[in-house]
C-alpha atoms as a PDB file:
ATOM      1  CA  UNK A   1      78.147  -1.145  35.683  1.00  0.00           C
ATOM      2  CA  UNK A   2      74.828  -2.507  34.392  1.00  0.00           C
ATOM      3  CA  UNK A   3      75.361  -1.001  30.924  1.00  0.00           C
ATOM      4  CA  UNK A   4      78.771  -2.654  30.764  1.00  0.00           C
ATOM      5  CA  UNK A   5      77.193  -6.021  31.571  1.00  0.00           C
ATOM      6  CA  UNK A   6      74.520  -5.415  28.947  1.00  0.00           C
ATOM      7  CA  UNK A   7      77.199  -4.627  26.385  1.00  0.00           C
ATOM      8  CA  UNK A   8      79.123  -7.764  27.287  1.00  0.00           C
ATOM      9  CA  UNK A   9      75.911  -9.786  27.077  1.00  0.00           C
ATOM     10  CA  UNK A  10      75.167  -8.334  23.631  1.00  0.00           C
ATOM     11  CA  UNK A  11      78.650  -9.236  22.391  1.00  0.00           C
ATOM     12  CA  UNK A  12      78.469 -12.751  23.798  1.00  0.00           C
ATOM     13  CA  UNK A  13      75.116 -13.368  22.107  1.00  0.00           C
ATOM     14  CA  UNK A  14      76.436 -11.913  18.832  1.00  0.00           C
ATOM     15  CA  UNK A  15      79.365 -14.330  18.957  1.00  0.00           C
ATOM     16  CA  UNK A  16      76.965 -17.195  19.580  1.00  0.00           C
ATOM     17  CA  UNK A  17      74.804 -16.088  16.622  1.00  0.00           C
ATOM     18  CA  UNK A  18      77.847 -15.954  14.331  1.00  0.00           C
ATOM     19  CA  UNK A  19      78.861 -19.473  15.369  1.00  0.00           C
ATOM     20  CA  UNK A  20      75.356 -20.749  14.664  1.00  0.00           C
ATOM     21  CA  UNK A  21      75.192 -18.980  11.303  1.00  0.00           C
ATOM     22  CA  UNK A  22      78.481 -20.584  10.314  1.00  0.00           C
ATOM     23  CA  UNK A  23      77.098 -24.057  11.052  1.00  0.00           C
ATOM     24  CA  UNK A  24      76.340 -26.053   7.940  1.00  0.00           C
ATOM     25  CA  UNK A  25      73.169 -27.677   9.312  1.00  0.00           C
ATOM     26  CA  UNK A  26      71.175 -24.456   9.702  1.00  0.00           C
ATOM     27  CA  UNK A  27      67.999 -24.135   7.647  1.00  0.00           C
ATOM     28  CA  UNK A  28      67.050 -20.887   5.942  1.00  0.00           C
ATOM     29  CA  UNK A  29      64.297 -19.913   8.406  1.00  0.00           C
ATOM     30  CA  UNK A  30      66.602 -20.358  11.390  1.00  0.00           C
ATOM     31  CA  UNK A  31      69.363 -18.442   9.634  1.00  0.00           C
ATOM     32  CA  UNK A  32      67.049 -15.527   8.876  1.00  0.00           C
ATOM     33  CA  UNK A  33      65.783 -15.356  12.469  1.00  0.00           C
ATOM     34  CA  UNK A  34      69.327 -15.422  13.813  1.00  0.00           C
ATOM     35  CA  UNK A  35      70.444 -12.808  11.290  1.00  0.00           C
ATOM     36  CA  UNK A  36      67.587 -10.487  12.281  1.00  0.00           C
ATOM     37  CA  UNK A  37      68.400 -10.934  15.971  1.00  0.00           C
ATOM     38  CA  UNK A  38      72.063 -10.297  15.253  1.00  0.00           C
ATOM     39  CA  UNK A  39      71.298  -7.049  13.433  1.00  0.00           C
ATOM     40  CA  UNK A  40      69.160  -5.830  16.345  1.00  0.00           C
ATOM     41  CA  UNK A  41      71.777  -6.782  18.930  1.00  0.00           C
ATOM     42  CA  UNK A  42      74.523  -5.123  16.902  1.00  0.00           C
ATOM     43  CA  UNK A  43      72.466  -1.937  16.693  1.00  0.00           C
ATOM     44  CA  UNK A  44      71.888  -1.979  20.455  1.00  0.00           C
ATOM     45  CA  UNK A  45      75.571  -2.626  21.176  1.00  0.00           C
ATOM     46  CA  UNK A  46      76.629   0.228  18.884  1.00  0.00           C
ATOM     47  CA  UNK A  47      74.216   2.584  20.658  1.00  0.00           C
ATOM     48  CA  UNK A  48      75.605   1.544  24.041  1.00  0.00           C
ATOM     49  CA  UNK A  49      79.140   2.093  22.792  1.00  0.00           C
ATOM     50  CA  UNK A  50      78.255   5.521  21.399  1.00  0.00           C
ATOM     51  CA  UNK A  51      76.736   6.555  24.759  1.00  0.00           C
ATOM     52  CA  UNK A  52      79.844   5.360  26.581  1.00  0.00           C
ATOM     53  CA  UNK A  53      82.129   7.243  24.194  1.00  0.00           C
ATOM     54  CA  UNK A  54      80.098  10.411  24.673  1.00  0.00           C
ATOM     55  CA  UNK A  55      80.312  10.069  28.431  1.00  0.00           C
ATOM     56  CA  UNK A  56      84.094   9.608  28.293  1.00  0.00           C
ATOM     57  CA  UNK A  57      84.382  12.683  26.058  1.00  0.00           C
ATOM     58  CA  UNK A  58      82.293  14.742  28.500  1.00  0.00           C
ATOM     59  CA  UNK A  59      84.431  13.639  31.447  1.00  0.00           C
ATOM     60  CA  UNK A  60      87.655  14.470  29.612  1.00  0.00           C
ATOM     61  CA  UNK A  61      86.316  17.877  28.565  1.00  0.00           C
ATOM     62  CA  UNK A  62      85.329  18.632  32.154  1.00  0.00           C
ATOM     63  CA  UNK A  63      88.912  17.956  33.242  1.00  0.00           C
ATOM     64  CA  UNK A  64      90.183  20.587  30.802  1.00  0.00           C
ATOM     65  CA  UNK A  65      88.088  23.325  32.409  1.00  0.00           C
END
């Protein structure tokens, strides 16, 4: 359950970053910091998703045995 919460937290923060990046009053330094954070959070979320997909695949394969 913790990984699911972490994934949800990553997505929520990514949505917040996108909203901030879309704001017109953001200076370049802030935008770059947010972009870098967004890239890192996206990478982490993709890794979590890949682990979850692998686990589901393993469970389904074990049912076929």
